[in-house]
Amino acid sequence: MAGGNQAVNLNPPYAQEHLSTNGSDWLWTVFSIMGLGTLLAAVATIMRPRGTRLFHQLAVIVLTTSSIAYFSMASDLGATPITAEFRGDETRQIWYVRYIQWFINFPTIILGLLLATGLPLSDIVTTLFMSVVVVVSGLVGALVHSTYKWGYYTFGCVALIYLWYVLLWHAPASSFAAGGVVRRGYYLATGYFSFILITYPICWACAEGGNVITVTSEMIWYGILDILAGPVFLACFLWTLRGIDYNALGLHSGKFVDHGAAGSAVRGEKGAAPVAEVPPVIPAGEQAA
């Protein structure tokens, strides 16, 4: 693994306000945490019985995406220079690879939370769309150098308010098929995740938005948030669901092989009735005398 100094030298930044060597070293640390979390989540997924791996597989998706994103940022890759507001003609690195990470991770995490509730599919799809609006609005706003960026910031905040409404009020009001244990775990996990979500727009306003803090400070702040919203949150969430009854939720990890029977078992499908063996028909002229 390359160090921060080597990464910055091999991939020099093209902006005046850019990532420092210490910032790159911190990003390599976050990458190591994300990579370790990915391996642990993959092992935990394999150890689960088939048909009960859905939430663990979602964790693998999130952590794998974060590992790739932080490898890119630690290598000083995945950024573009944008004229910084309130700084004259000075340019600042805007890390679009971070928003690609969030574009995948935020809907995936929220999907895992809502699948534990009794929300209908239409509400879940709308909520996932609003999580995408939050990320895309942040990306477009970061790439705009004029004060119009705050219009996109407003769009993202409104979508974020909708997420809080669904996660903290609408979804808990639904009936939890798996009972009170899952409901209590959902309240804890969602309260924690919703609090983390509050801090992202604050960091954006200080970093890409208002250019109040440096790129290195931005990396430290976002890195801590992504660790708390990634491996730490997922570890706690999966622990609360360790004894969940997938049959009660009506969830299975897709099609799984049943080694105890010939063929495969699919959720919601009954095995076909055995077909009686029909003896061959012998023409009358060929029958034995």
C-alpha atoms as a PDB file:
ATOM      1  CA  MET A   1       0.000   0.000   0.000  1.00  0.00           C
ATOM      2  CA  ALA A   2       1.364   3.403  -0.941  1.00  0.00           C
ATOM      3  CA  GLY A   3       1.816   6.028   1.733  1.00  0.00           C
ATOM      4  CA  GLY A   4       0.234   9.462   1.638  1.00  0.00           C
ATOM      5  CA  ASN A   5       3.379  11.182   0.346  1.00  0.00           C
ATOM      6  CA  GLN A   6       3.853   8.661  -2.446  1.00  0.00           C
ATOM      7  CA  ALA A   7       0.177   8.792  -3.471  1.00  0.00           C
ATOM      8  CA  VAL A   8       0.131  12.595  -3.680  1.00  0.00           C
ATOM      9  CA  ASN A   9       3.388  12.594  -5.652  1.00  0.00           C
ATOM     10  CA  LEU A  10       2.261   9.941  -8.114  1.00  0.00           C
ATOM     11  CA  ASN A  11      -1.173  11.525  -8.578  1.00  0.00           C
ATOM     12  CA  PRO A  12      -0.577  15.259  -8.103  1.00  0.00           C
ATOM     13  CA  PRO A  13      -3.685  17.365  -7.427  1.00  0.00           C
ATOM     14  CA  TYR A  14      -4.847  19.918  -9.984  1.00  0.00           C
ATOM     15  CA  ALA A  15      -6.375  22.406  -7.538  1.00  0.00           C
ATOM     16  CA  GLN A  16      -4.952  25.058  -5.241  1.00  0.00           C
ATOM     17  CA  GLU A  17      -6.921  23.782  -2.231  1.00  0.00           C
ATOM     18  CA  HIS A  18      -6.059  20.100  -2.276  1.00  0.00           C
ATOM     19  CA  LEU A  19      -5.457  16.988  -0.210  1.00  0.00           C
ATOM     20  CA  SER A  20      -2.337  16.993   1.960  1.00  0.00           C
ATOM     21  CA  THR A  21      -0.015  14.092   2.715  1.00  0.00           C
ATOM     22  CA  ASN A  22      -1.484  13.729   6.223  1.00  0.00           C
ATOM     23  CA  GLY A  23      -4.956  13.693   4.725  1.00  0.00           C
ATOM     24  CA  SER A  24      -3.954  10.883   2.379  1.00  0.00           C
ATOM     25  CA  ASP A  25      -2.518   8.915   5.326  1.00  0.00           C
ATOM     26  CA  TRP A  26      -5.843   9.278   7.143  1.00  0.00           C
ATOM     27  CA  LEU A  27      -7.727   8.058   4.075  1.00  0.00           C
ATOM     28  CA  TRP A  28      -5.514   4.965   3.891  1.00  0.00           C
ATOM     29  CA  THR A  29      -6.489   4.273   7.503  1.00  0.00           C
ATOM     30  CA  VAL A  30     -10.185   4.565   6.658  1.00  0.00           C
ATOM     31  CA  PHE A  31      -9.651   2.318   3.638  1.00  0.00           C
ATOM     32  CA  SER A  32      -8.078  -0.317   5.907  1.00  0.00           C
ATOM     33  CA  ILE A  33     -11.064  -0.163   8.262  1.00  0.00           C
ATOM     34  CA  MET A  34     -13.511  -0.488   5.364  1.00  0.00           C
ATOM     35  CA  GLY A  35     -11.532  -3.350   3.832  1.00  0.00           C
ATOM     36  CA  LEU A  36     -11.410  -5.240   7.128  1.00  0.00           C
ATOM     37  CA  GLY A  37     -15.133  -4.665   7.594  1.00  0.00           C
ATOM     38  CA  THR A  38     -15.789  -6.068   4.117  1.00  0.00           C
ATOM     39  CA  LEU A  39     -13.883  -9.265   4.895  1.00  0.00           C
ATOM     40  CA  LEU A  40     -15.649  -9.742   8.239  1.00  0.00           C
ATOM     41  CA  ALA A  41     -19.059  -9.135   6.649  1.00  0.00           C
ATOM     42  CA  ALA A  42     -18.282 -11.622   3.884  1.00  0.00           C
ATOM     43  CA  VAL A  43     -17.262 -14.279   6.415  1.00  0.00           C
ATOM     44  CA  ALA A  44     -20.397 -13.633   8.477  1.00  0.00           C
ATOM     45  CA  THR A  45     -22.502 -13.952   5.320  1.00  0.00           C
ATOM     46  CA  ILE A  46     -20.983 -17.316   4.410  1.00  0.00           C
ATOM     47  CA  MET A  47     -21.599 -18.613   7.928  1.00  0.00           C
ATOM     48  CA  ARG A  48     -25.310 -17.788   7.712  1.00  0.00           C
ATOM     49  CA  PRO A  49     -27.715 -20.491   6.467  1.00  0.00           C
ATOM     50  CA  ARG A  50     -28.792 -20.076   2.882  1.00  0.00           C
ATOM     51  CA  GLY A  51     -31.957 -18.066   2.562  1.00  0.00           C
ATOM     52  CA  THR A  52     -31.099 -15.909   5.629  1.00  0.00           C
ATOM     53  CA  ARG A  53     -28.289 -13.766   4.202  1.00  0.00           C
ATOM     54  CA  LEU A  54     -30.115 -10.737   2.864  1.00  0.00           C
ATOM     55  CA  PHE A  55     -29.097  -8.157   5.485  1.00  0.00           C
ATOM     56  CA  HIS A  56     -25.534  -9.473   5.584  1.00  0.00           C
ATOM     57  CA  GLN A  57     -25.253  -9.254   1.803  1.00  0.00           C
ATOM     58  CA  LEU A  58     -26.436  -5.653   1.902  1.00  0.00           C
ATOM     59  CA  ALA A  59     -23.633  -4.956   4.388  1.00  0.00           C
ATOM     60  CA  VAL A  60     -21.105  -6.517   1.999  1.00  0.00           C
ATOM     61  CA  ILE A  61     -22.343  -4.220  -0.787  1.00  0.00           C
ATOM     62  CA  VAL A  62     -21.992  -1.110   1.383  1.00  0.00           C
ATOM     63  CA  LEU A  63     -18.544  -1.943   2.722  1.00  0.00           C
ATOM     64  CA  THR A  64     -17.161  -3.044  -0.636  1.00  0.00           C
ATOM     65  CA  THR A  65     -18.287   0.229  -2.191  1.00  0.00           C
ATOM     66  CA  SER A  66     -16.729   2.224   0.648  1.00  0.00           C
ATOM     67  CA  SER A  67     -13.445   0.319   0.317  1.00  0.00           C
ATOM     68  CA  ILE A  68     -13.155   1.163  -3.386  1.00  0.00           C
ATOM     69  CA  ALA A  69     -14.103   4.810  -2.798  1.00  0.00           C
ATOM     70  CA  TYR A  70     -11.566   5.315  -0.018  1.00  0.00           C
ATOM     71  CA  PHE A  71      -8.842   3.537  -1.980  1.00  0.00           C
ATOM     72  CA  SER A  72      -9.465   6.064  -4.764  1.00  0.00           C
ATOM     73  CA  MET A  73      -9.468   9.092  -2.450  1.00  0.00           C
ATOM     74  CA  ALA A  74      -6.393   7.913  -0.536  1.00  0.00           C
ATOM     75  CA  SER A  75      -4.625   7.593  -3.893  1.00  0.00           C
ATOM     76  CA  ASP A  76      -5.611  11.206  -4.670  1.00  0.00           C
ATOM     77  CA  LEU A  77      -7.923  10.011  -7.457  1.00  0.00           C
ATOM     78  CA  GLY A  78     -11.585  10.701  -8.155  1.00  0.00           C
ATOM     79  CA  ALA A  79     -11.571  14.498  -7.749  1.00  0.00           C
ATOM     80  CA  THR A  80     -11.924  17.502 -10.033  1.00  0.00           C
ATOM     81  CA  PRO A  81     -10.969  21.172  -9.495  1.00  0.00           C
ATOM     82  CA  ILE A  82     -13.860  23.627  -9.066  1.00  0.00           C
ATOM     83  CA  THR A  83     -13.618  27.365  -8.415  1.00  0.00           C
ATOM     84  CA  ALA A  84     -14.312  27.829  -4.711  1.00  0.00           C
ATOM     85  CA  GLU A  85     -17.019  30.251  -3.657  1.00  0.00           C
ATOM     86  CA  PHE A  86     -15.859  33.185  -1.499  1.00  0.00           C
ATOM     87  CA  ARG A  87     -12.233  32.498  -2.518  1.00  0.00           C
ATOM     88  CA  GLY A  88     -11.849  34.534  -5.718  1.00  0.00           C
ATOM     89  CA  ASP A  89     -10.281  32.427  -8.481  1.00  0.00           C
ATOM     90  CA  GLU A  90      -8.928  29.795  -6.101  1.00  0.00           C
ATOM     91  CA  THR A  91      -9.866  26.211  -7.008  1.00  0.00           C
ATOM     92  CA  ARG A  92     -10.752  23.361  -4.658  1.00  0.00           C
ATOM     93  CA  GLN A  93     -10.776  19.590  -5.092  1.00  0.00           C
ATOM     94  CA  ILE A  94     -14.315  18.198  -5.290  1.00  0.00           C
ATOM     95  CA  TRP A  95     -14.403  14.446  -4.736  1.00  0.00           C
ATOM     96  CA  TYR A  96     -17.073  13.007  -7.022  1.00  0.00           C
ATOM     97  CA  VAL A  97     -16.004   9.458  -6.125  1.00  0.00           C
ATOM     98  CA  ARG A  98     -17.381  10.084  -2.625  1.00  0.00           C
ATOM     99  CA  TYR A  99     -20.808  10.850  -4.068  1.00  0.00           C
ATOM    100  CA  ILE A 100     -20.694   7.681  -6.174  1.00  0.00           C
ATOM    101  CA  GLN A 101     -20.109   5.830  -2.895  1.00  0.00           C
ATOM    102  CA  TRP A 102     -23.079   7.524  -1.240  1.00  0.00           C
ATOM    103  CA  PHE A 103     -25.256   6.999  -4.337  1.00  0.00           C
ATOM    104  CA  ILE A 104     -24.909   3.252  -3.734  1.00  0.00           C
ATOM    105  CA  ASN A 105     -24.614   3.116   0.038  1.00  0.00           C
ATOM    106  CA  PHE A 106     -27.371   5.408   1.305  1.00  0.00           C
ATOM    107  CA  PRO A 107     -30.220   3.661  -0.562  1.00  0.00           C
ATOM    108  CA  THR A 108     -28.770   0.263   0.359  1.00  0.00           C
ATOM    109  CA  ILE A 109     -28.608   1.055   4.085  1.00  0.00           C
ATOM    110  CA  ILE A 110     -32.099   2.556   4.072  1.00  0.00           C
ATOM    111  CA  LEU A 111     -33.409  -0.474   2.166  1.00  0.00           C
ATOM    112  CA  GLY A 112     -32.040  -2.751   4.877  1.00  0.00           C
ATOM    113  CA  LEU A 113     -33.751  -0.695   7.568  1.00  0.00           C
ATOM    114  CA  LEU A 114     -37.131  -0.543   5.826  1.00  0.00           C
ATOM    115  CA  LEU A 115     -37.201  -4.238   4.933  1.00  0.00           C
ATOM    116  CA  ALA A 116     -37.423  -4.951   8.660  1.00  0.00           C
ATOM    117  CA  THR A 117     -40.670  -2.945   8.848  1.00  0.00           C
ATOM    118  CA  GLY A 118     -44.124  -3.460   7.430  1.00  0.00           C
ATOM    119  CA  LEU A 119     -43.950  -0.624   4.887  1.00  0.00           C
ATOM    120  CA  PRO A 120     -45.456  -1.381   1.473  1.00  0.00           C
ATOM    121  CA  LEU A 121     -43.193  -1.556  -1.543  1.00  0.00           C
ATOM    122  CA  SER A 122     -44.438   1.769  -2.929  1.00  0.00           C
ATOM    123  CA  ASP A 123     -43.342   3.647   0.212  1.00  0.00           C
ATOM    124  CA  ILE A 124     -39.958   1.922   0.192  1.00  0.00           C
ATOM    125  CA  VAL A 125     -39.319   2.823  -3.452  1.00  0.00           C
ATOM    126  CA  THR A 126     -40.240   6.479  -2.845  1.00  0.00           C
ATOM    127  CA  THR A 127     -37.959   6.651   0.194  1.00  0.00           C
ATOM    128  CA  LEU A 128     -35.049   5.174  -1.755  1.00  0.00           C
ATOM    129  CA  PHE A 129     -35.622   7.735  -4.495  1.00  0.00           C
ATOM    130  CA  MET A 130     -35.459  10.565  -1.962  1.00  0.00           C
ATOM    131  CA  SER A 131     -32.144   9.209  -0.654  1.00  0.00           C
ATOM    132  CA  VAL A 132     -30.823   9.399  -4.216  1.00  0.00           C
ATOM    133  CA  VAL A 133     -32.093  13.006  -4.449  1.00  0.00           C
ATOM    134  CA  VAL A 134     -30.057  13.881  -1.340  1.00  0.00           C
ATOM    135  CA  VAL A 135     -26.836  12.535  -2.862  1.00  0.00           C
ATOM    136  CA  VAL A 136     -27.335  13.901  -6.381  1.00  0.00           C
ATOM    137  CA  SER A 137     -28.260  17.341  -5.046  1.00  0.00           C
ATOM    138  CA  GLY A 138     -25.087  17.374  -2.972  1.00  0.00           C
ATOM    139  CA  LEU A 139     -22.957  16.376  -5.965  1.00  0.00           C
ATOM    140  CA  VAL A 140     -24.440  18.950  -8.344  1.00  0.00           C
ATOM    141  CA  GLY A 141     -24.229  21.656  -5.694  1.00  0.00           C
ATOM    142  CA  ALA A 142     -20.577  20.836  -5.033  1.00  0.00           C
ATOM    143  CA  LEU A 143     -19.752  21.121  -8.748  1.00  0.00           C
ATOM    144  CA  VAL A 144     -21.451  24.547  -9.040  1.00  0.00           C
ATOM    145  CA  HIS A 145     -19.100  27.410  -8.185  1.00  0.00           C
ATOM    146  CA  SER A 146     -21.747  30.154  -7.851  1.00  0.00           C
ATOM    147  CA  THR A 147     -24.277  30.812  -5.110  1.00  0.00           C
ATOM    148  CA  TYR A 148     -26.788  28.682  -7.029  1.00  0.00           C
ATOM    149  CA  LYS A 149     -25.195  25.703  -5.291  1.00  0.00           C
ATOM    150  CA  TRP A 150     -27.297  26.550  -2.228  1.00  0.00           C
ATOM    151  CA  GLY A 151     -30.452  25.905  -4.228  1.00  0.00           C
ATOM    152  CA  TYR A 152     -29.333  22.304  -4.716  1.00  0.00           C
ATOM    153  CA  TYR A 153     -28.396  22.202  -1.044  1.00  0.00           C
ATOM    154  CA  THR A 154     -31.985  23.173  -0.210  1.00  0.00           C
ATOM    155  CA  PHE A 155     -33.374  20.426  -2.463  1.00  0.00           C
ATOM    156  CA  GLY A 156     -31.180  17.907  -0.675  1.00  0.00           C
ATOM    157  CA  CYS A 157     -32.231  19.107   2.783  1.00  0.00           C
ATOM    158  CA  VAL A 158     -35.932  18.862   1.884  1.00  0.00           C
ATOM    159  CA  ALA A 159     -35.415  15.296   0.650  1.00  0.00           C
ATOM    160  CA  LEU A 160     -33.511  14.550   3.856  1.00  0.00           C
ATOM    161  CA  ILE A 161     -36.447  15.783   5.933  1.00  0.00           C
ATOM    162  CA  TYR A 162     -38.641  13.310   4.052  1.00  0.00           C
ATOM    163  CA  LEU A 163     -36.196  10.524   4.941  1.00  0.00           C
ATOM    164  CA  TRP A 164     -36.391  11.435   8.615  1.00  0.00           C
ATOM    165  CA  TYR A 165     -40.184  11.456   8.431  1.00  0.00           C
ATOM    166  CA  VAL A 166     -40.300   7.948   6.974  1.00  0.00           C
ATOM    167  CA  LEU A 167     -37.555   6.450   9.136  1.00  0.00           C
ATOM    168  CA  LEU A 168     -38.616   7.964  12.459  1.00  0.00           C
ATOM    169  CA  TRP A 169     -42.398   8.206  12.180  1.00  0.00           C
ATOM    170  CA  HIS A 170     -44.036   6.544   9.178  1.00  0.00           C
ATOM    171  CA  ALA A 171     -42.119   3.255   9.189  1.00  0.00           C
ATOM    172  CA  PRO A 172     -42.349   2.648  12.976  1.00  0.00           C
ATOM    173  CA  ALA A 173     -46.110   3.175  12.731  1.00  0.00           C
ATOM    174  CA  SER A 174     -46.393   0.116  10.469  1.00  0.00           C
ATOM    175  CA  SER A 175     -46.852  -3.386  11.832  1.00  0.00           C
ATOM    176  CA  PHE A 176     -43.636  -5.347  12.298  1.00  0.00           C
ATOM    177  CA  ALA A 177     -44.218  -8.912  11.152  1.00  0.00           C
ATOM    178  CA  ALA A 178     -41.334 -10.251  13.250  1.00  0.00           C
ATOM    179  CA  GLY A 179     -42.622  -8.730  16.497  1.00  0.00           C
ATOM    180  CA  GLY A 180     -41.383  -6.431  19.225  1.00  0.00           C
ATOM    181  CA  VAL A 181     -37.750  -7.569  19.188  1.00  0.00           C
ATOM    182  CA  VAL A 182     -37.267  -6.281  15.657  1.00  0.00           C
ATOM    183  CA  ARG A 183     -39.215  -3.108  16.467  1.00  0.00           C
ATOM    184  CA  ARG A 184     -36.901  -2.266  19.378  1.00  0.00           C
ATOM    185  CA  GLY A 185     -33.843  -2.983  17.273  1.00  0.00           C
ATOM    186  CA  TYR A 186     -35.246  -0.806  14.491  1.00  0.00           C
ATOM    187  CA  TYR A 187     -35.794   2.140  16.844  1.00  0.00           C
ATOM    188  CA  LEU A 188     -32.202   1.950  18.080  1.00  0.00           C
ATOM    189  CA  ALA A 189     -30.660   1.523  14.636  1.00  0.00           C
ATOM    190  CA  THR A 190     -32.783   4.186  12.954  1.00  0.00           C
ATOM    191  CA  GLY A 191     -32.295   6.731  15.729  1.00  0.00           C
ATOM    192  CA  TYR A 192     -28.541   6.279  15.479  1.00  0.00           C
ATOM    193  CA  PHE A 193     -28.485   6.447  11.660  1.00  0.00           C
ATOM    194  CA  SER A 194     -30.803   9.464  11.541  1.00  0.00           C
ATOM    195  CA  PHE A 195     -28.531  11.352  13.933  1.00  0.00           C
ATOM    196  CA  ILE A 196     -25.526  10.594  11.699  1.00  0.00           C
ATOM    197  CA  LEU A 197     -27.484  11.881   8.692  1.00  0.00           C
ATOM    198  CA  ILE A 198     -27.882  15.286  10.365  1.00  0.00           C
ATOM    199  CA  THR A 199     -24.133  15.866  10.367  1.00  0.00           C
ATOM    200  CA  TYR A 200     -23.568  15.250   6.631  1.00  0.00           C
ATOM    201  CA  PRO A 201     -25.221  18.492   5.417  1.00  0.00           C
ATOM    202  CA  ILE A 202     -23.378  20.401   8.156  1.00  0.00           C
ATOM    203  CA  CYS A 203     -20.065  19.067   6.869  1.00  0.00           C
ATOM    204  CA  TRP A 204     -21.083  19.839   3.274  1.00  0.00           C
ATOM    205  CA  ALA A 205     -21.877  23.444   4.175  1.00  0.00           C
ATOM    206  CA  CYS A 206     -18.464  23.869   5.790  1.00  0.00           C
ATOM    207  CA  ALA A 207     -16.520  22.041   3.072  1.00  0.00           C
ATOM    208  CA  GLU A 208     -17.767  21.952  -0.533  1.00  0.00           C
ATOM    209  CA  GLY A 209     -20.380  24.620   0.142  1.00  0.00           C
ATOM    210  CA  GLY A 210     -18.842  27.466   2.115  1.00  0.00           C
ATOM    211  CA  ASN A 211     -15.162  26.451   1.790  1.00  0.00           C
ATOM    212  CA  VAL A 212     -14.681  27.172   5.482  1.00  0.00           C
ATOM    213  CA  ILE A 213     -12.515  24.126   6.228  1.00  0.00           C
ATOM    214  CA  THR A 214      -9.612  22.654   4.275  1.00  0.00           C
ATOM    215  CA  VAL A 215      -9.792  19.551   2.084  1.00  0.00           C
ATOM    216  CA  THR A 216      -7.843  17.566   4.688  1.00  0.00           C
ATOM    217  CA  SER A 217     -10.247  18.610   7.461  1.00  0.00           C
ATOM    218  CA  GLU A 218     -13.116  17.669   5.158  1.00  0.00           C
ATOM    219  CA  MET A 219     -11.601  14.204   4.678  1.00  0.00           C
ATOM    220  CA  ILE A 220     -11.215  13.686   8.421  1.00  0.00           C
ATOM    221  CA  TRP A 221     -14.815  14.761   9.085  1.00  0.00           C
ATOM    222  CA  TYR A 222     -16.382  12.701   6.298  1.00  0.00           C
ATOM    223  CA  GLY A 223     -14.145   9.739   7.112  1.00  0.00           C
ATOM    224  CA  ILE A 224     -15.364   9.629  10.707  1.00  0.00           C
ATOM    225  CA  LEU A 225     -18.981   9.921   9.550  1.00  0.00           C
ATOM    226  CA  ASP A 226     -18.595   7.142   6.974  1.00  0.00           C
ATOM    227  CA  ILE A 227     -17.038   4.853   9.577  1.00  0.00           C
ATOM    228  CA  LEU A 228     -19.893   5.515  11.990  1.00  0.00           C
ATOM    229  CA  ALA A 229     -22.539   5.110   9.255  1.00  0.00           C
ATOM    230  CA  GLY A 230     -20.763   2.147   7.682  1.00  0.00           C
ATOM    231  CA  PRO A 231     -18.972  -0.609   9.623  1.00  0.00           C
ATOM    232  CA  VAL A 232     -20.021   0.586  13.096  1.00  0.00           C
ATOM    233  CA  PHE A 233     -23.693   0.978  12.213  1.00  0.00           C
ATOM    234  CA  LEU A 234     -23.858  -2.234  10.179  1.00  0.00           C
ATOM    235  CA  ALA A 235     -22.212  -4.267  12.951  1.00  0.00           C
ATOM    236  CA  CYS A 236     -24.781  -3.037  15.479  1.00  0.00           C
ATOM    237  CA  PHE A 237     -27.688  -3.470  13.068  1.00  0.00           C
ATOM    238  CA  LEU A 238     -26.740  -7.026  12.133  1.00  0.00           C
ATOM    239  CA  TRP A 239     -26.270  -7.892  15.799  1.00  0.00           C
ATOM    240  CA  THR A 240     -29.832  -6.785  16.607  1.00  0.00           C
ATOM    241  CA  LEU A 241     -31.119  -9.001  13.764  1.00  0.00           C
ATOM    242  CA  ARG A 242     -29.005 -12.042  14.627  1.00  0.00           C
ATOM    243  CA  GLY A 243     -32.022 -14.129  15.715  1.00  0.00           C
ATOM    244  CA  ILE A 244     -34.563 -12.766  13.244  1.00  0.00           C
ATOM    245  CA  ASP A 245     -37.108 -15.146  11.759  1.00  0.00           C
ATOM    246  CA  TYR A 246     -36.921 -14.673   7.999  1.00  0.00           C
ATOM    247  CA  ASN A 247     -40.123 -16.634   7.562  1.00  0.00           C
ATOM    248  CA  ALA A 248     -41.978 -14.061   9.672  1.00  0.00           C
ATOM    249  CA  LEU A 249     -40.630 -11.244   7.515  1.00  0.00           C
ATOM    250  CA  GLY A 250     -41.320 -13.127   4.312  1.00  0.00           C
ATOM    251  CA  LEU A 251     -37.714 -12.523   3.234  1.00  0.00           C
ATOM    252  CA  HIS A 252     -35.248 -14.885   1.681  1.00  0.00           C
ATOM    253  CA  SER A 253     -32.023 -14.200  -0.150  1.00  0.00           C
ATOM    254  CA  GLY A 254     -33.507 -15.156  -3.468  1.00  0.00           C
ATOM    255  CA  LYS A 255     -33.352 -18.697  -4.800  1.00  0.00           C
ATOM    256  CA  PHE A 256     -31.422 -21.121  -2.668  1.00  0.00           C
ATOM    257  CA  VAL A 257     -30.513 -24.761  -3.163  1.00  0.00           C
ATOM    258  CA  ASP A 258     -32.119 -27.326  -0.910  1.00  0.00           C
ATOM    259  CA  HIS A 259     -29.569 -30.117  -0.594  1.00  0.00           C
ATOM    260  CA  GLY A 260     -32.091 -32.305   1.171  1.00  0.00           C
ATOM    261  CA  ALA A 261     -34.255 -32.677  -1.895  1.00  0.00           C
ATOM    262  CA  ALA A 262     -33.700 -33.179  -5.565  1.00  0.00           C
ATOM    263  CA  GLY A 263     -33.805 -29.782  -7.248  1.00  0.00           C
ATOM    264  CA  SER A 264     -34.148 -26.327  -5.733  1.00  0.00           C
ATOM    265  CA  ALA A 265     -36.662 -24.669  -3.425  1.00  0.00           C
ATOM    266  CA  VAL A 266     -38.058 -21.270  -4.255  1.00  0.00           C
ATOM    267  CA  ARG A 267     -39.883 -19.107  -1.745  1.00  0.00           C
ATOM    268  CA  GLY A 268     -43.607 -19.093  -2.341  1.00  0.00           C
ATOM    269  CA  GLU A 269     -43.592 -22.095  -4.705  1.00  0.00           C
ATOM    270  CA  LYS A 270     -44.881 -25.522  -3.791  1.00  0.00           C
ATOM    271  CA  GLY A 271     -43.217 -28.625  -5.082  1.00  0.00           C
ATOM    272  CA  ALA A 272     -44.876 -30.196  -8.071  1.00  0.00           C
ATOM    273  CA  ALA A 273     -46.868 -33.355  -7.441  1.00  0.00           C
ATOM    274  CA  PRO A 274     -45.128 -36.555  -8.583  1.00  0.00           C
ATOM    275  CA  VAL A 275     -46.170 -37.713 -12.039  1.00  0.00           C
ATOM    276  CA  ALA A 276     -47.416 -41.271 -12.158  1.00  0.00           C
ATOM    277  CA  GLU A 277     -45.482 -43.526 -14.474  1.00  0.00           C
ATOM    278  CA  VAL A 278     -47.585 -44.502 -17.488  1.00  0.00           C
ATOM    279  CA  PRO A 279     -46.821 -47.865 -19.117  1.00  0.00           C
ATOM    280  CA  PRO A 280     -45.994 -47.733 -22.824  1.00  0.00           C
ATOM    281  CA  VAL A 281     -48.791 -48.398 -25.256  1.00  0.00           C
ATOM    282  CA  ILE A 282     -48.143 -51.376 -27.552  1.00  0.00           C
ATOM    283  CA  PRO A 283     -50.050 -51.470 -30.845  1.00  0.00           C
ATOM    284  CA  ALA A 284     -52.495 -54.365 -31.117  1.00  0.00           C
ATOM    285  CA  GLY A 285     -50.681 -55.876 -34.087  1.00  0.00           C
ATOM    286  CA  GLU A 286     -47.419 -56.088 -32.152  1.00  0.00           C
ATOM    287  CA  GLN A 287     -48.801 -57.664 -28.995  1.00  0.00           C
ATOM    288  CA  ALA A 288     -47.558 -61.158 -28.163  1.00  0.00           C
ATOM    289  CA  ALA A 289     -49.853 -64.007 -29.082  1.00  0.00           C
END
